[in-house]
């Protein structure tokens, strides 16, 4: 869940992909406020119910909603002072989310809901959750698809294996990393930080389905009202701050132990998780939106400047999804697949320029402004195309 980026960054990304941004403020088409907040053809006009709500710095307004089951369109207005996300939660599991909604902008989220009681995550992680009640109704409760979902079964099984492998490696690397932190070995922990965190980034579309672990493992300071002073600011980026900004491991033992414990918990949950088509298909776009929102701007790893490691991991995770889905994408829209593959090539060529002999990447401050601009252009185009996947495959 990456909801922190400068508003100016959003405007820059828009300028690369659309001719005029002002008209995007109320649009639910493929030209929304930014690549990272784009709603693709899966939010096209339909007969589903439309429900409006506003998110402020303090939470959702209204804080309680009741809708009928079946297809629903939620129209979310950001009246807070920073980019935010809005989520529908069943317990700790994310059912649907809309990320990186810029201040003053409106975004639509189309989803298919079953009857039940849900929570709403409203902006800052420190904000109170809202309540969403879904009552049985006469509406369509089945997701419409244009692709036989049986064709996705094999791809989903392979993706589950990929995510499991990344999670297993995350747990193993977490142990070595957190042991270094606990031992007070700053230099070793600094070296291990980026190579450990990439496993989360590759598996993020699935890992972040567990909102409690996403909060404790991968939140950034801007996700909380008290920023870095907030006691709920934990996980990778809390330790990153200590290692690279404060140059110490003092006081980090509880955070390191918690991170290792949470990683083991994540491993257990993923082992028994059934990945839904929308999680996998939508994940390809989500990962590239992560790059557009926080890696291009340097927000992701602001203390260590190891953003290119995570940038590359997001691209790898997204490209893996497209690779597994390529047979069905080829049948549904071969031109789209061709464009996506071409843009992946462009992005990877730029990343390769900054690889280091040890297999890592140069720090983000070493990236030239010209290359940053080229990366923004390629990522914006890739995000534009990947946002169409759910609609192309009819996975809602």
Protein backbone atom coordinates (compact mmCIF):
# COMPACT_ATOMS: atom_id res chain seq x y z
CA UNK A 1 0.00 0.00 0.00
CA UNK A 2 1.87 3.04 -1.23
CA UNK A 3 -0.08 6.19 -0.89
CA UNK A 4 2.60 8.77 -0.37
CA UNK A 5 3.82 10.93 -3.25
CA UNK A 6 4.17 14.59 -3.83
CA UNK A 7 1.30 16.22 -5.65
CA UNK A 8 3.76 17.77 -8.05
CA UNK A 9 4.91 14.28 -9.02
CA UNK A 10 1.37 13.39 -9.98
CA UNK A 11 1.10 16.43 -12.18
CA UNK A 12 4.38 15.57 -13.87
CA UNK A 13 3.21 12.07 -14.65
CA UNK A 14 -0.08 13.36 -15.99
CA UNK A 15 1.71 15.78 -18.26
CA UNK A 16 3.47 12.86 -19.87
CA UNK A 17 0.34 10.90 -20.65
CA UNK A 18 -2.62 13.26 -21.06
CA UNK A 19 -3.10 16.59 -22.71
CA UNK A 20 -5.09 18.29 -19.98
CA UNK A 21 -5.37 17.22 -16.36
CA UNK A 22 -8.19 19.49 -15.20
CA UNK A 23 -10.81 17.44 -17.00
CA UNK A 24 -9.67 14.35 -15.11
CA UNK A 25 -10.99 15.47 -11.76
CA UNK A 26 -14.38 13.88 -12.23
CA UNK A 27 -13.64 11.19 -14.78
CA UNK A 28 -14.01 7.45 -14.29
CA UNK A 29 -12.58 6.57 -17.69
CA UNK A 30 -9.03 5.66 -18.61
CA UNK A 31 -7.93 9.31 -18.30
CA UNK A 32 -7.92 9.91 -14.58
CA UNK A 33 -5.82 12.07 -12.29
CA UNK A 34 -2.62 10.06 -12.69
CA UNK A 35 -1.28 6.72 -13.92
CA UNK A 36 -1.16 5.45 -10.36
CA UNK A 37 -4.85 6.25 -9.78
CA UNK A 38 -6.10 5.18 -13.16
CA UNK A 39 -9.41 3.35 -13.53
CA UNK A 40 -9.41 1.19 -16.62
CA UNK A 41 -12.21 -0.27 -18.69
CA UNK A 42 -13.36 -2.33 -15.73
CA UNK A 43 -15.10 0.83 -14.51
CA UNK A 44 -17.02 1.46 -17.68
CA UNK A 45 -20.62 2.52 -17.67
CA UNK A 46 -22.98 -0.14 -16.30
CA UNK A 47 -26.12 -0.60 -14.28
CA UNK A 48 -24.43 -0.92 -10.92
CA UNK A 49 -25.28 1.29 -7.97
CA UNK A 50 -23.21 4.44 -7.45
CA UNK A 51 -22.32 5.51 -3.91
CA UNK A 52 -20.44 8.69 -3.08
CA UNK A 53 -18.17 9.28 -0.10
CA UNK A 54 -15.46 11.73 0.89
CA UNK A 55 -12.18 11.04 2.65
CA UNK A 56 -10.68 13.80 4.80
CA UNK A 57 -7.59 13.98 6.99
CA UNK A 58 -9.66 12.43 9.78
CA UNK A 59 -11.50 9.64 7.96
CA UNK A 60 -14.51 8.81 5.79
CA UNK A 61 -17.64 10.94 5.42
CA UNK A 62 -20.05 9.31 5.89
CA UNK A 63 -18.36 6.80 8.16
CA UNK A 64 -21.12 4.21 7.71
CA UNK A 65 -22.57 3.05 4.41
CA UNK A 66 -25.21 0.51 3.40
CA UNK A 67 -25.42 -0.83 -0.16
CA UNK A 68 -27.08 -3.73 -1.95
CA UNK A 69 -25.06 -6.76 -2.93
CA UNK A 70 -23.85 -7.18 -6.49
CA UNK A 71 -22.10 -4.63 -8.65
CA UNK A 72 -21.39 -1.30 -6.98
CA UNK A 73 -19.57 1.85 -8.03
CA UNK A 74 -18.00 3.86 -5.23
CA UNK A 75 -17.18 7.47 -6.06
CA UNK A 76 -14.39 8.56 -3.71
CA UNK A 77 -13.42 12.23 -3.30
CA UNK A 78 -10.15 13.10 -1.63
CA UNK A 79 -10.60 16.22 0.52
CA UNK A 80 -7.54 15.49 2.62
CA UNK A 81 -4.19 17.25 2.39
CA UNK A 82 -2.27 14.34 0.81
CA UNK A 83 -2.67 11.43 -1.60
CA UNK A 84 -4.58 8.57 -0.01
CA UNK A 85 -6.11 5.17 -0.48
CA UNK A 86 -9.53 3.78 0.29
CA UNK A 87 -10.04 0.10 1.02
CA UNK A 88 -12.86 -2.34 1.64
CA UNK A 89 -11.79 -4.87 4.26
CA UNK A 90 -13.17 -8.20 5.39
CA UNK A 91 -11.41 -8.64 8.70
CA UNK A 92 -7.77 -7.93 7.86
CA UNK A 93 -8.08 -8.96 4.20
CA UNK A 94 -8.35 -6.30 1.52
CA UNK A 95 -11.34 -7.02 -0.73
CA UNK A 96 -10.95 -3.99 -2.98
CA UNK A 97 -8.92 -0.79 -2.89
CA UNK A 98 -8.31 2.43 -4.74
CA UNK A 99 -4.81 3.77 -4.16
CA UNK A 100 -3.03 7.08 -4.72
CA UNK A 101 -6.04 9.38 -5.05
CA UNK A 102 -4.58 12.88 -5.31
CA UNK A 103 -5.89 15.73 -3.10
CA UNK A 104 -8.98 17.34 -4.65
CA UNK A 105 -9.55 14.51 -7.11
CA UNK A 106 -12.36 12.01 -7.55
CA UNK A 107 -11.91 8.34 -8.38
CA UNK A 108 -14.37 5.52 -9.04
CA UNK A 109 -14.02 1.96 -7.85
CA UNK A 110 -16.20 -0.73 -9.36
CA UNK A 111 -16.56 -3.92 -7.38
CA UNK A 112 -18.82 -6.92 -6.91
CA UNK A 113 -19.81 -7.37 -3.26
CA UNK A 114 -21.37 -10.25 -1.42
CA UNK A 115 -23.74 -9.64 1.54
CA UNK A 116 -21.94 -9.04 4.82
CA UNK A 117 -20.30 -6.55 7.15
CA UNK A 118 -17.10 -4.88 6.00
CA UNK A 119 -14.70 -2.21 7.23
CA UNK A 120 -13.48 0.78 5.24
CA UNK A 121 -9.87 2.00 5.55
CA UNK A 122 -10.05 5.76 5.17
CA UNK A 123 -6.80 7.50 4.30
CA UNK A 124 -4.15 7.59 7.04
CA UNK A 125 -3.58 4.27 8.77
CA UNK A 126 -4.12 6.06 12.07
CA UNK A 127 -7.64 7.15 11.03
CA UNK A 128 -10.66 5.26 12.41
CA UNK A 129 -12.15 2.65 10.10
CA UNK A 130 -15.59 3.12 8.60
CA UNK A 131 -18.34 0.50 8.35
CA UNK A 132 -19.82 -0.85 5.14
CA UNK A 133 -22.95 -3.02 5.30
CA UNK A 134 -23.85 -5.00 2.18
CA UNK A 135 -27.41 -6.31 2.18
CA UNK A 136 -28.72 -9.04 -0.07
CA UNK A 137 -30.33 -7.41 -3.08
CA UNK A 138 -31.82 -8.17 -6.45
CA UNK A 139 -28.73 -6.93 -8.31
CA UNK A 140 -26.27 -9.03 -10.24
CA UNK A 141 -24.00 -10.72 -7.70
CA UNK A 142 -21.86 -12.54 -10.21
CA UNK A 143 -18.81 -10.92 -11.74
CA UNK A 144 -19.11 -10.65 -15.53
CA UNK A 145 -16.22 -12.07 -17.46
CA UNK A 146 -15.21 -12.03 -21.10
CA UNK A 147 -12.68 -14.82 -20.66
CA UNK A 148 -13.44 -18.36 -19.58
CA UNK A 149 -12.09 -18.37 -16.04
CA UNK A 150 -10.96 -21.95 -16.55
CA UNK A 151 -8.28 -20.54 -18.83
CA UNK A 152 -6.86 -18.64 -15.86
CA UNK A 153 -6.63 -21.62 -13.52
CA UNK A 154 -3.19 -22.75 -14.59
CA UNK A 155 -1.80 -19.21 -14.60
CA UNK A 156 -3.13 -18.58 -11.08
CA UNK A 157 -1.58 -21.83 -9.82
CA UNK A 158 1.80 -20.85 -11.26
CA UNK A 159 1.48 -17.38 -9.78
CA UNK A 160 0.70 -18.85 -6.37
CA UNK A 161 3.92 -20.86 -6.65
CA UNK A 162 5.84 -17.71 -7.59
CA UNK A 163 4.44 -15.71 -4.66
CA UNK A 164 5.11 -18.61 -2.29
CA UNK A 165 8.74 -18.80 -3.42
CA UNK A 166 9.21 -15.04 -2.92
CA UNK A 167 7.61 -15.20 0.52
CA UNK A 168 9.78 -18.14 1.57
CA UNK A 169 12.87 -16.21 0.49
CA UNK A 170 11.59 -13.13 2.31
CA UNK A 171 11.39 -15.11 5.56
CA UNK A 172 14.89 -16.53 5.10
CA UNK A 173 16.43 -13.15 4.25
CA UNK A 174 14.46 -11.44 7.02
CA UNK A 175 16.15 -13.72 9.55
CA UNK A 176 19.64 -12.75 8.40
CA UNK A 177 18.69 -9.07 8.14
CA UNK A 178 17.00 -8.80 11.52
CA UNK A 179 19.78 -10.81 13.19
CA UNK A 180 22.23 -8.16 11.95
CA UNK A 181 20.01 -5.40 13.31
CA UNK A 182 19.70 -7.09 16.70
CA UNK A 183 23.47 -7.70 16.80
CA UNK A 184 24.07 -3.99 16.21
CA UNK A 185 25.93 -4.56 12.93
CA UNK A 186 24.88 -1.41 11.05
CA UNK A 187 27.06 -2.00 7.98
CA UNK A 188 25.82 -5.57 7.47
CA UNK A 189 22.19 -4.59 8.02
CA UNK A 190 22.54 -1.71 5.54
CA UNK A 191 23.89 -4.09 2.93
CA UNK A 192 21.10 -6.63 3.49
CA UNK A 193 18.20 -4.17 3.58
CA UNK A 194 17.56 -3.73 -0.18
CA UNK A 195 18.07 -7.38 -1.12
CA UNK A 196 15.61 -8.42 1.60
CA UNK A 197 12.90 -5.89 0.85
CA UNK A 198 12.69 -6.80 -2.85
CA UNK A 199 10.92 -10.07 -2.04
CA UNK A 200 8.05 -8.12 -0.48
CA UNK A 201 7.94 -5.85 -3.53
CA UNK A 202 7.68 -8.71 -6.03
CA UNK A 203 4.87 -10.40 -4.08
CA UNK A 204 3.15 -7.19 -3.00
CA UNK A 205 -0.19 -7.61 -4.83
CA UNK A 206 -0.80 -10.65 -2.61
CA UNK A 207 1.17 -9.64 0.50
CA UNK A 208 -0.76 -6.40 0.86
CA UNK A 209 -4.09 -8.25 0.88
CA UNK A 210 -3.43 -8.67 4.59
CA UNK A 211 -3.93 -5.11 5.74
CA UNK A 212 -2.62 -5.67 9.26
CA UNK A 213 0.70 -7.07 8.02
CA UNK A 214 0.96 -4.48 5.26
CA UNK A 215 0.63 -1.83 7.97
CA UNK A 216 3.21 -3.29 10.35
CA UNK A 217 5.71 -4.44 7.73
CA UNK A 218 5.72 -1.89 4.90
CA UNK A 219 4.14 1.40 5.99
CA UNK A 220 5.99 4.68 5.62
CA UNK A 221 6.01 7.56 8.05
CA UNK A 222 3.57 9.59 5.95
CA UNK A 223 0.92 6.91 6.51
CA UNK A 224 0.51 8.14 10.10
CA UNK A 225 -0.64 11.38 11.67
CA UNK A 226 2.53 11.76 13.76
CA UNK A 227 4.84 10.75 10.91
CA UNK A 228 8.16 9.29 12.11
CA UNK A 229 7.26 9.97 15.74
CA UNK A 230 4.19 7.78 15.53
CA UNK A 231 4.57 4.60 17.63
CA UNK A 232 2.70 2.65 14.93
CA UNK A 233 5.41 3.41 12.38
CA UNK A 234 7.18 0.03 12.28
CA UNK A 235 8.60 -2.48 9.81
CA UNK A 236 11.10 -2.13 6.99
CA UNK A 237 11.00 1.62 6.64
CA UNK A 238 11.28 2.28 10.38
CA UNK A 239 14.43 0.17 10.47
CA UNK A 240 15.61 1.77 7.20
CA UNK A 241 15.41 5.19 8.88
CA UNK A 242 17.51 4.03 11.81
CA UNK A 243 20.14 2.38 9.62
CA UNK A 244 20.61 4.99 6.93
CA UNK A 245 19.52 8.29 8.45
CA UNK A 246 20.33 7.82 12.13
CA UNK A 247 23.22 5.40 11.44
CA UNK A 248 22.34 3.25 14.44
CA UNK A 249 20.49 0.13 15.52
CA UNK A 250 19.80 1.53 18.98
CA UNK A 251 16.23 0.72 20.04
CA UNK A 252 15.62 -1.38 16.92
CA UNK A 253 15.53 -4.84 18.53
CA UNK A 254 11.72 -4.84 19.12
CA UNK A 255 11.11 -3.64 15.55
CA UNK A 256 13.41 -6.31 14.12
CA UNK A 257 11.80 -9.08 16.17
CA UNK A 258 8.33 -7.90 15.13
CA UNK A 259 9.34 -7.80 11.46
CA UNK A 260 10.63 -11.37 11.57
CA UNK A 261 7.50 -12.57 13.36
CA UNK A 262 5.25 -10.81 10.86
CA UNK A 263 7.14 -12.35 7.95
CA UNK A 264 6.53 -15.83 9.35
CA UNK A 265 2.85 -14.97 9.80
CA UNK A 266 2.66 -13.78 6.19
CA UNK A 267 4.24 -17.05 5.02
CA UNK A 268 1.60 -19.10 6.85
CA UNK A 269 -1.30 -17.03 5.54
CA UNK A 270 -0.16 -17.16 1.92
CA UNK A 271 0.27 -20.94 2.16
CA UNK A 272 -3.49 -21.34 2.69
CA UNK A 273 -4.65 -18.40 0.57
CA UNK A 274 -6.76 -18.87 -2.55
CA UNK A 275 -5.67 -16.22 -5.04
CA UNK A 276 -8.62 -14.75 -6.92
CA UNK A 277 -8.34 -13.82 -10.62
CA UNK A 278 -8.79 -10.12 -9.81
CA UNK A 279 -5.84 -10.23 -7.37
CA UNK A 280 -3.50 -11.59 -10.00
CA UNK A 281 -4.77 -9.72 -13.06
CA UNK A 282 -5.08 -6.41 -11.22
CA UNK A 283 -1.71 -6.98 -9.57
CA UNK A 284 0.19 -6.35 -12.80
CA UNK A 285 -1.09 -2.78 -12.94
CA UNK A 286 -0.85 -2.28 -9.18
CA UNK A 287 2.88 -2.96 -9.17
CA UNK A 288 3.58 -0.47 -11.96
CA UNK A 289 1.37 2.08 -10.24
CA UNK A 290 3.62 1.56 -7.21
CA UNK A 291 6.58 2.58 -9.34
CA UNK A 292 4.76 5.63 -10.68
CA UNK A 293 3.63 6.66 -7.21
CA UNK A 294 6.68 6.16 -5.02
CA UNK A 295 9.76 4.89 -6.85
CA UNK A 296 10.01 7.54 -9.58
CA UNK A 297 9.65 10.27 -6.96
CA UNK A 298 12.20 8.72 -4.59
CA UNK A 299 9.59 8.43 -1.84
CA UNK A 300 9.80 4.68 -1.34
CA UNK A 301 13.28 4.39 0.17
CA UNK A 302 13.85 7.98 1.16
CA UNK A 303 16.50 7.19 3.80
CA UNK A 304 18.58 4.61 1.90
CA UNK A 305 17.93 5.79 -1.68
CA UNK A 306 17.74 2.15 -2.76
CA UNK A 307 14.59 2.87 -4.79
CA UNK A 308 15.90 1.20 -7.96
CA UNK A 309 16.00 -2.17 -6.16
CA UNK A 310 12.29 -1.90 -5.40
CA UNK A 311 11.57 -0.32 -8.80
CA UNK A 312 13.10 -3.38 -10.47
CA UNK A 313 11.29 -5.81 -8.13
CA UNK A 314 7.93 -4.22 -8.92
CA UNK A 315 8.63 -4.47 -12.64
CA UNK A 316 9.72 -8.12 -12.27
CA UNK A 317 6.57 -8.99 -10.34
CA UNK A 318 4.34 -7.28 -12.89
CA UNK A 319 6.15 -8.83 -15.84
CA UNK A 320 5.78 -12.29 -14.28
CA UNK A 321 2.00 -11.84 -14.12
CA UNK A 322 1.85 -10.73 -17.76
CA UNK A 323 4.07 -13.64 -18.78
CA UNK A 324 1.73 -16.14 -17.11
CA UNK A 325 -1.35 -14.47 -18.58
CA UNK A 326 0.09 -13.89 -22.06
CA UNK A 327 -1.83 -16.72 -23.80
CA UNK A 328 -5.21 -15.30 -22.74
CA UNK A 329 -4.15 -11.69 -23.34
CA UNK A 330 -2.93 -12.66 -26.81
CA UNK A 331 -6.35 -14.07 -27.64
CA UNK A 332 -8.28 -11.15 -26.17
CA UNK A 333 -6.13 -8.24 -27.36
CA UNK A 334 -2.86 -9.02 -29.15
CA UNK A 335 -2.09 -5.34 -29.75
CA UNK A 336 -2.28 -4.64 -26.02
CA UNK A 337 0.14 -7.47 -25.27
CA UNK A 338 2.54 -6.18 -27.90
CA UNK A 339 2.52 -2.68 -26.39
CA UNK A 340 2.99 -4.00 -22.86
CA UNK A 341 5.94 -6.18 -23.86
CA UNK A 342 7.53 -3.26 -25.70
CA UNK A 343 7.23 -0.95 -22.71
CA UNK A 344 8.61 -3.58 -20.34
CA UNK A 345 11.65 -3.77 -22.62
CA UNK A 346 12.12 0.01 -22.51
CA UNK A 347 11.86 0.11 -18.72
CA UNK A 348 14.25 -2.79 -18.23
CA UNK A 349 16.79 -1.21 -20.58
CA UNK A 350 16.83 1.93 -18.44
CA UNK A 351 17.17 -0.08 -15.24
CA UNK A 352 20.04 -2.13 -16.67
CA UNK A 353 22.04 1.07 -17.10
CA UNK A 354 22.19 1.45 -13.31
CA UNK A 355 22.94 -2.13 -12.31
CA UNK A 356 26.12 -2.60 -10.29
CA UNK A 357 28.66 -5.45 -10.64
CA UNK A 358 27.38 -7.12 -7.46
CA UNK A 359 23.91 -7.51 -8.98
CA UNK A 360 22.37 -4.56 -7.17
CA UNK A 361 21.65 -1.00 -8.26
CA UNK A 362 23.16 2.43 -7.90
CA UNK A 363 21.51 4.75 -5.39
CA UNK A 364 18.69 6.80 -6.80
CA UNK A 365 20.60 10.08 -6.56
CA UNK A 366 22.92 8.73 -9.27
CA UNK A 367 20.10 8.56 -11.84
CA UNK A 368 20.32 11.42 -14.34
CA UNK A 369 17.38 13.76 -14.79
CA UNK A 370 17.16 12.73 -18.44
CA UNK A 371 16.88 9.05 -17.49
CA UNK A 372 14.31 9.85 -14.80
CA UNK A 373 12.23 11.61 -17.44
CA UNK A 374 12.54 8.66 -19.83
CA UNK A 375 11.60 6.25 -17.05
CA UNK A 376 8.54 8.32 -16.18
CA UNK A 377 7.41 8.25 -19.81
CA UNK A 378 7.85 4.48 -20.14
CA UNK A 379 6.23 3.76 -16.77
CA UNK A 380 3.29 6.04 -17.57
CA UNK A 381 2.68 4.22 -20.87
CA UNK A 382 3.04 0.82 -19.20
CA UNK A 383 0.63 1.82 -16.43
CA UNK A 384 -1.87 3.06 -19.03
CA UNK A 385 -1.85 -0.28 -20.85
CA UNK A 386 -1.79 -2.55 -17.78
CA UNK A 387 -4.77 -0.70 -16.31
CA UNK A 388 -6.79 -2.21 -19.18
CA UNK A 389 -6.08 -5.83 -18.25
CA UNK A 390 -9.00 -6.36 -15.86
CA UNK A 391 -11.40 -4.91 -18.38
CA UNK A 392 -9.82 -6.80 -21.29
CA UNK A 393 -10.11 -10.11 -19.46
CA UNK A 394 -13.41 -9.22 -17.81
CA UNK A 395 -12.07 -9.86 -14.33
CA UNK A 396 -14.06 -7.69 -11.92
